[in-house]
């Protein structure tokens, strides 16, 4: 009951934030001009944008595969399906609950600890945030942008730093003063302690230099494809964007999705895109058209992929695979977690 109440409260906050952002976006905008721009979008450029978004998802799947590999190798075709199902859930559920869905889905279908899987998702989010903030900061320096956009990126820099520190502390928690007392306290609840240990198993991939390096490289590749998609969307609307402007739009709009919001990041994505476009001197109607079209293309591609993956893979409540002997220490807790955790 308490978990349900907490979930409803978080969902309500996210939906409320989305409503406020939608109001701010629509305030004083000529919707007729926005509709005219969208209606005149050129299809060849939209096709290029679709290719960019699809390539972005491909590199994201490769990145997650690299993070999962130290725990248990998973074929790219299946893993990309689990990822897309999670993205589909993000598009229809508030507060990024899709991250839990894909962790649960992969864990049940592959026999991997769901807590450890969630740990790799946490590492992925940290790497993503750091790369995005770096792209946004570099774009600001190149473009010499001022105002609220700079303040937002500076906040992002601070958050990225805190995430890195928090991850480092989590990895070294067993060496910190008082760690033994905390472990003894958690020992009163063996299930909670087990989940915490298995979560740390997933976080340990962040201590593997090659894995982290591969994750960073694949993140840069993924976001480069997103920048191409943003530039192509701009061209389809007759808006000439520089590479720096496309990079700042890609970074800013996606950093905004970290804010709790309604399903599909409705409102927060558009508000960030419109605000950044205004820093380039674009009128509100054109900025809204640009942000809205980028958002719709992203949602359509990821949702279509998620539906196709769900149809192909099916949905089961329990892992149907037999658990093999783990090949790494990080995978050694898989059997306990898969057998002991309740299905959702």
Protein backbone atom coordinates (compact mmCIF):
# COMPACT_ATOMS: atom_id res chain seq x y z
CA UNK A 1 0.00 0.00 0.00
CA UNK A 2 2.83 2.36 0.89
CA UNK A 3 4.63 1.56 -2.39
CA UNK A 4 1.42 2.26 -4.34
CA UNK A 5 0.94 5.58 -2.56
CA UNK A 6 4.55 6.59 -3.27
CA UNK A 7 4.20 5.63 -6.92
CA UNK A 8 0.96 7.58 -7.30
CA UNK A 9 2.52 10.62 -5.61
CA UNK A 10 5.54 10.54 -7.95
CA UNK A 11 3.30 10.10 -10.97
CA UNK A 12 1.10 12.99 -9.84
CA UNK A 13 4.12 15.28 -9.44
CA UNK A 14 5.39 14.34 -12.89
CA UNK A 15 2.04 14.96 -14.55
CA UNK A 16 1.71 18.28 -12.72
CA UNK A 17 5.15 19.39 -13.98
CA UNK A 18 4.14 18.41 -17.53
CA UNK A 19 0.94 20.47 -17.32
CA UNK A 20 2.88 23.53 -16.13
CA UNK A 21 5.44 23.13 -18.93
CA UNK A 22 2.74 22.73 -21.58
CA UNK A 23 1.14 25.98 -20.34
CA UNK A 24 4.48 27.81 -20.51
CA UNK A 25 5.12 26.46 -24.01
CA UNK A 26 1.72 27.44 -25.42
CA UNK A 27 1.56 30.84 -23.76
CA UNK A 28 1.77 33.54 -26.42
CA UNK A 29 2.51 31.13 -29.29
CA UNK A 30 0.89 31.46 -32.71
CA UNK A 31 -0.34 27.88 -33.01
CA UNK A 32 -1.53 28.51 -36.56
CA UNK A 33 2.03 29.34 -37.63
CA UNK A 34 3.35 26.25 -35.81
CA UNK A 35 0.78 24.04 -37.57
CA UNK A 36 1.66 25.60 -40.93
CA UNK A 37 5.35 24.88 -40.40
CA UNK A 38 4.67 21.28 -39.41
CA UNK A 39 2.34 20.77 -42.35
CA UNK A 40 5.02 21.96 -44.77
CA UNK A 41 7.79 19.72 -43.42
CA UNK A 42 9.86 18.22 -46.27
CA UNK A 43 9.75 14.42 -46.30
CA UNK A 44 13.30 13.68 -47.56
CA UNK A 45 14.80 15.49 -44.58
CA UNK A 46 12.36 13.72 -42.23
CA UNK A 47 13.52 10.39 -43.68
CA UNK A 48 17.12 11.34 -42.82
CA UNK A 49 15.99 12.27 -39.30
CA UNK A 50 14.35 8.86 -38.92
CA UNK A 51 17.62 7.21 -39.94
CA UNK A 52 19.45 9.29 -37.32
CA UNK A 53 17.01 8.34 -34.54
CA UNK A 54 17.20 4.66 -35.51
CA UNK A 55 21.01 4.73 -35.53
CA UNK A 56 20.91 6.39 -32.10
CA UNK A 57 18.89 3.46 -30.72
CA UNK A 58 21.30 0.97 -32.30
CA UNK A 59 24.29 2.52 -30.54
CA UNK A 60 22.35 2.63 -27.26
CA UNK A 61 21.70 -1.09 -27.53
CA UNK A 62 25.41 -1.70 -28.18
CA UNK A 63 26.23 0.39 -25.10
CA UNK A 64 23.90 -1.58 -22.85
CA UNK A 65 25.31 -4.82 -24.24
CA UNK A 66 28.81 -3.64 -23.31
CA UNK A 67 27.65 -2.87 -19.76
CA UNK A 68 25.80 -6.17 -19.35
CA UNK A 69 28.62 -8.31 -20.81
CA UNK A 70 30.72 -8.48 -17.58
CA UNK A 71 27.70 -9.99 -15.83
CA UNK A 72 26.41 -12.21 -18.63
CA UNK A 73 26.72 -11.89 -22.44
CA UNK A 74 23.32 -11.28 -24.05
CA UNK A 75 22.80 -11.36 -27.85
CA UNK A 76 22.27 -7.88 -29.29
CA UNK A 77 19.00 -8.80 -30.99
CA UNK A 78 17.34 -9.86 -27.74
CA UNK A 79 18.91 -7.14 -25.62
CA UNK A 80 17.84 -4.39 -28.03
CA UNK A 81 14.31 -5.76 -27.73
CA UNK A 82 14.39 -5.52 -23.93
CA UNK A 83 15.71 -1.96 -24.21
CA UNK A 84 12.99 -0.93 -26.66
CA UNK A 85 10.27 -2.40 -24.44
CA UNK A 86 11.64 -0.22 -21.64
CA UNK A 87 11.61 2.83 -23.91
CA UNK A 88 8.01 2.04 -24.87
CA UNK A 89 7.14 1.96 -21.17
CA UNK A 90 8.90 5.31 -20.70
CA UNK A 91 6.69 6.73 -23.44
CA UNK A 92 3.45 5.66 -21.78
CA UNK A 93 4.36 5.77 -18.08
CA UNK A 94 5.39 8.82 -16.03
CA UNK A 95 8.62 9.41 -14.11
CA UNK A 96 10.90 7.19 -16.29
CA UNK A 97 9.40 3.98 -14.91
CA UNK A 98 10.48 2.28 -18.13
CA UNK A 99 13.99 1.92 -16.69
CA UNK A 100 12.56 -0.46 -14.08
CA UNK A 101 10.51 -2.24 -16.73
CA UNK A 102 13.49 -3.05 -18.94
CA UNK A 103 15.57 -4.18 -15.95
CA UNK A 104 12.77 -6.49 -14.85
CA UNK A 105 12.15 -7.75 -18.39
CA UNK A 106 15.79 -8.60 -19.11
CA UNK A 107 16.24 -10.18 -15.68
CA UNK A 108 13.21 -12.43 -16.03
CA UNK A 109 13.93 -13.46 -19.62
CA UNK A 110 17.70 -13.99 -19.29
CA UNK A 111 17.98 -15.27 -15.72
CA UNK A 112 20.12 -12.32 -14.63
CA UNK A 113 19.70 -10.60 -11.29
CA UNK A 114 17.23 -7.79 -11.79
CA UNK A 115 18.99 -5.72 -9.16
CA UNK A 116 22.33 -6.14 -10.93
CA UNK A 117 20.66 -5.29 -14.25
CA UNK A 118 19.26 -2.11 -12.71
CA UNK A 119 22.79 -1.31 -11.56
CA UNK A 120 23.99 -1.34 -15.18
CA UNK A 121 21.11 0.97 -16.11
CA UNK A 122 22.22 3.37 -13.36
CA UNK A 123 25.77 3.34 -14.75
CA UNK A 124 24.36 3.92 -18.24
CA UNK A 125 22.37 6.94 -17.01
CA UNK A 126 25.43 8.41 -15.30
CA UNK A 127 27.59 8.02 -18.42
CA UNK A 128 24.77 9.46 -20.56
CA UNK A 129 24.40 12.49 -18.31
CA UNK A 130 28.13 13.19 -18.25
CA UNK A 131 28.40 12.94 -22.05
CA UNK A 132 25.31 15.09 -22.60
CA UNK A 133 26.54 17.78 -20.22
CA UNK A 134 29.93 17.77 -21.95
CA UNK A 135 28.24 18.18 -25.36
CA UNK A 136 26.04 20.97 -24.05
CA UNK A 137 28.94 22.78 -22.38
CA UNK A 138 31.07 22.55 -25.53
CA UNK A 139 28.19 23.87 -27.64
CA UNK A 140 27.71 26.83 -25.30
CA UNK A 141 31.39 27.72 -25.53
CA UNK A 142 31.30 27.56 -29.33
CA UNK A 143 28.03 29.48 -29.68
CA UNK A 144 28.72 31.98 -26.88
CA UNK A 145 25.12 31.61 -25.68
CA UNK A 146 23.95 33.58 -22.63
CA UNK A 147 21.06 33.51 -20.22
CA UNK A 148 18.95 30.72 -18.77
CA UNK A 149 20.38 28.08 -21.11
CA UNK A 150 23.85 28.58 -19.64
CA UNK A 151 22.44 28.39 -16.12
CA UNK A 152 20.66 25.13 -16.96
CA UNK A 153 23.83 23.56 -18.36
CA UNK A 154 25.78 24.67 -15.28
CA UNK A 155 23.18 22.95 -13.11
CA UNK A 156 23.66 19.90 -15.33
CA UNK A 157 27.41 20.03 -14.74
CA UNK A 158 26.83 20.08 -10.98
CA UNK A 159 24.36 17.18 -11.18
CA UNK A 160 26.73 15.15 -13.36
CA UNK A 161 29.51 15.71 -10.83
CA UNK A 162 27.27 14.60 -7.97
CA UNK A 163 26.23 11.48 -9.90
CA UNK A 164 29.85 10.51 -10.51
CA UNK A 165 30.71 11.06 -6.83
CA UNK A 166 27.64 9.07 -5.71
CA UNK A 167 28.60 6.21 -8.03
CA UNK A 168 32.17 6.22 -6.70
CA UNK A 169 30.89 6.17 -3.10
CA UNK A 170 28.55 3.27 -3.90
CA UNK A 171 31.43 1.28 -5.38
CA UNK A 172 33.68 1.94 -2.38
CA UNK A 173 30.96 1.75 0.28
CA UNK A 174 32.33 -1.47 1.79
CA UNK A 175 35.66 0.29 2.50
CA UNK A 176 34.22 3.40 4.13
CA UNK A 177 34.24 3.97 7.92
CA UNK A 178 31.18 2.44 9.52
CA UNK A 179 30.54 0.08 6.60
CA UNK A 180 30.62 -2.98 8.87
CA UNK A 181 28.00 -1.46 11.19
CA UNK A 182 25.74 -0.65 8.24
CA UNK A 183 26.17 -4.20 6.93
CA UNK A 184 25.29 -5.60 10.34
CA UNK A 185 22.21 -3.37 10.51
CA UNK A 186 21.06 -4.48 7.05
CA UNK A 187 21.65 -8.06 8.17
CA UNK A 188 18.40 -7.80 10.09
CA UNK A 189 16.65 -7.82 6.71
CA UNK A 190 18.49 -10.42 4.60
CA UNK A 191 16.33 -9.71 1.56
CA UNK A 192 17.13 -5.99 1.60
CA UNK A 193 20.82 -6.70 2.10
CA UNK A 194 20.79 -9.19 -0.77
CA UNK A 195 19.18 -6.70 -3.14
CA UNK A 196 21.71 -4.01 -2.14
CA UNK A 197 24.62 -6.37 -2.77
CA UNK A 198 23.29 -7.43 -6.15
CA UNK A 199 22.67 -3.82 -7.12
CA UNK A 200 26.31 -3.15 -6.32
CA UNK A 201 27.24 -6.08 -8.55
CA UNK A 202 25.70 -4.16 -11.44
CA UNK A 203 27.34 -0.91 -10.42
CA UNK A 204 30.75 -2.63 -10.41
CA UNK A 205 30.87 -2.46 -14.21
CA UNK A 206 31.76 1.22 -13.65
CA UNK A 207 35.08 0.04 -12.17
CA UNK A 208 36.06 -1.68 -15.43
CA UNK A 209 38.06 0.84 -17.54
CA UNK A 210 37.45 -0.87 -20.89
CA UNK A 211 33.73 -1.19 -20.26
CA UNK A 212 33.42 2.46 -19.24
CA UNK A 213 35.52 3.60 -22.22
CA UNK A 214 33.35 1.59 -24.62
CA UNK A 215 30.23 3.03 -23.00
CA UNK A 216 31.51 6.60 -23.42
CA UNK A 217 32.47 6.05 -27.07
CA UNK A 218 29.10 4.48 -27.87
CA UNK A 219 27.33 7.33 -26.04
CA UNK A 220 29.15 9.88 -28.18
CA UNK A 221 28.22 7.89 -31.30
CA UNK A 222 24.56 7.72 -30.23
CA UNK A 223 24.30 11.44 -29.49
CA UNK A 224 26.09 12.29 -32.74
CA UNK A 225 23.28 10.48 -34.56
CA UNK A 226 20.75 12.47 -32.53
CA UNK A 227 22.45 15.73 -33.55
CA UNK A 228 22.19 14.65 -37.19
CA UNK A 229 18.48 13.95 -36.65
CA UNK A 230 17.96 17.40 -35.07
CA UNK A 231 19.73 19.13 -37.96
CA UNK A 232 17.63 17.16 -40.46
CA UNK A 233 14.40 18.10 -38.67
CA UNK A 234 15.47 21.74 -38.80
CA UNK A 235 16.11 21.46 -42.55
CA UNK A 236 12.69 19.86 -43.06
CA UNK A 237 11.10 22.94 -41.48
CA UNK A 238 13.30 25.38 -43.37
CA UNK A 239 15.33 26.20 -40.24
CA UNK A 240 19.09 26.35 -40.83
CA UNK A 241 20.86 25.14 -37.69
CA UNK A 242 24.61 24.99 -37.16
CA UNK A 243 26.17 21.83 -35.74
CA UNK A 244 26.66 23.64 -32.42
CA UNK A 245 22.99 24.65 -32.29
CA UNK A 246 21.90 21.12 -33.12
CA UNK A 247 24.18 19.74 -30.42
CA UNK A 248 22.84 22.16 -27.80
CA UNK A 249 19.24 21.32 -28.74
CA UNK A 250 19.95 17.59 -28.54
CA UNK A 251 21.70 17.93 -25.18
CA UNK A 252 19.29 20.41 -23.61
CA UNK A 253 16.05 18.67 -24.57
CA UNK A 254 17.27 15.27 -23.44
CA UNK A 255 18.69 16.58 -20.16
CA UNK A 256 15.22 18.01 -19.53
CA UNK A 257 13.75 14.51 -19.68
CA UNK A 258 15.52 13.78 -16.38
CA UNK A 259 12.96 16.06 -14.73
CA UNK A 260 9.96 14.08 -13.41
CA UNK A 261 7.17 14.48 -15.94
CA UNK A 262 4.13 12.85 -17.46
CA UNK A 263 4.23 10.04 -20.03
CA UNK A 264 6.64 10.56 -22.91
CA UNK A 265 8.29 13.58 -21.22
CA UNK A 266 5.41 15.68 -22.53
CA UNK A 267 5.96 19.38 -21.88
CA UNK A 268 9.45 19.26 -20.41
CA UNK A 269 10.99 18.31 -23.78
CA UNK A 270 9.07 21.02 -25.68
CA UNK A 271 9.76 23.70 -23.08
CA UNK A 272 13.50 23.00 -23.13
CA UNK A 273 13.55 22.95 -26.94
CA UNK A 274 11.59 26.18 -27.27
CA UNK A 275 13.77 27.94 -24.69
CA UNK A 276 17.01 26.86 -26.40
CA UNK A 277 15.64 27.82 -29.83
CA UNK A 278 14.80 31.27 -28.46
CA UNK A 279 18.47 31.65 -27.47
CA UNK A 280 19.28 31.22 -31.17
CA UNK A 281 16.83 33.99 -32.07
CA UNK A 282 14.04 31.72 -33.31
CA UNK A 283 10.44 32.90 -32.70
CA UNK A 284 8.38 30.86 -30.22
CA UNK A 285 6.19 29.30 -32.93
CA UNK A 286 9.20 28.06 -34.92
CA UNK A 287 10.94 26.82 -31.77
CA UNK A 288 7.83 24.89 -30.77
CA UNK A 289 7.51 23.33 -34.23
CA UNK A 290 11.15 22.26 -34.13
CA UNK A 291 10.98 20.76 -30.63
CA UNK A 292 7.62 19.12 -31.24
CA UNK A 293 8.69 17.42 -34.47
CA UNK A 294 11.93 16.14 -32.92
CA UNK A 295 9.96 14.78 -29.97
CA UNK A 296 7.27 13.12 -32.09
CA UNK A 297 9.83 11.39 -34.33
CA UNK A 298 11.70 10.07 -31.30
CA UNK A 299 8.52 8.79 -29.66
CA UNK A 300 7.23 7.18 -32.86
CA UNK A 301 10.46 5.31 -33.63
CA UNK A 302 11.08 4.10 -30.07
CA UNK A 303 7.42 3.16 -29.51
CA UNK A 304 7.15 1.29 -32.81
CA UNK A 305 10.36 -0.57 -31.97
CA UNK A 306 9.06 -1.35 -28.50
CA UNK A 307 5.77 -2.75 -29.80
CA UNK A 308 7.59 -4.87 -32.40
CA UNK A 309 10.00 -6.17 -29.74
CA UNK A 310 7.17 -7.00 -27.35
CA UNK A 311 5.32 -8.93 -30.06
CA UNK A 312 8.49 -10.79 -31.05
CA UNK A 313 9.74 -11.61 -27.56
CA UNK A 314 6.45 -11.96 -25.75
CA UNK A 315 5.95 -11.20 -22.06
CA UNK A 316 6.50 -13.72 -19.28
CA UNK A 317 6.53 -13.24 -15.53
CA UNK A 318 9.40 -15.64 -14.96
CA UNK A 319 12.70 -16.38 -16.64
CA UNK A 320 12.26 -19.45 -18.80
CA UNK A 321 15.98 -20.07 -19.12
CA UNK A 322 18.01 -22.32 -16.85
CA UNK A 323 20.60 -20.49 -14.85
CA UNK A 324 24.10 -21.52 -15.78
CA UNK A 325 27.10 -21.25 -13.51
CA UNK A 326 27.97 -17.52 -13.46
CA UNK A 327 31.13 -16.65 -15.30
CA UNK A 328 31.92 -13.60 -13.20
CA UNK A 329 31.64 -12.57 -9.54
CA UNK A 330 29.09 -9.92 -10.57
CA UNK A 331 26.80 -12.66 -11.90
CA UNK A 332 27.08 -14.97 -8.90
CA UNK A 333 23.96 -13.56 -7.23
CA UNK A 334 21.71 -13.98 -10.26
CA UNK A 335 20.00 -17.17 -9.14
CA UNK A 336 19.08 -15.86 -5.70
CA UNK A 337 17.61 -12.63 -7.05
CA UNK A 338 15.63 -14.26 -9.86
CA UNK A 339 14.18 -16.88 -7.55
CA UNK A 340 13.55 -14.69 -4.54
CA UNK A 341 12.22 -11.41 -5.93
CA UNK A 342 8.45 -11.10 -6.47
CA UNK A 343 7.17 -10.66 -10.00
CA UNK A 344 5.56 -7.37 -10.95
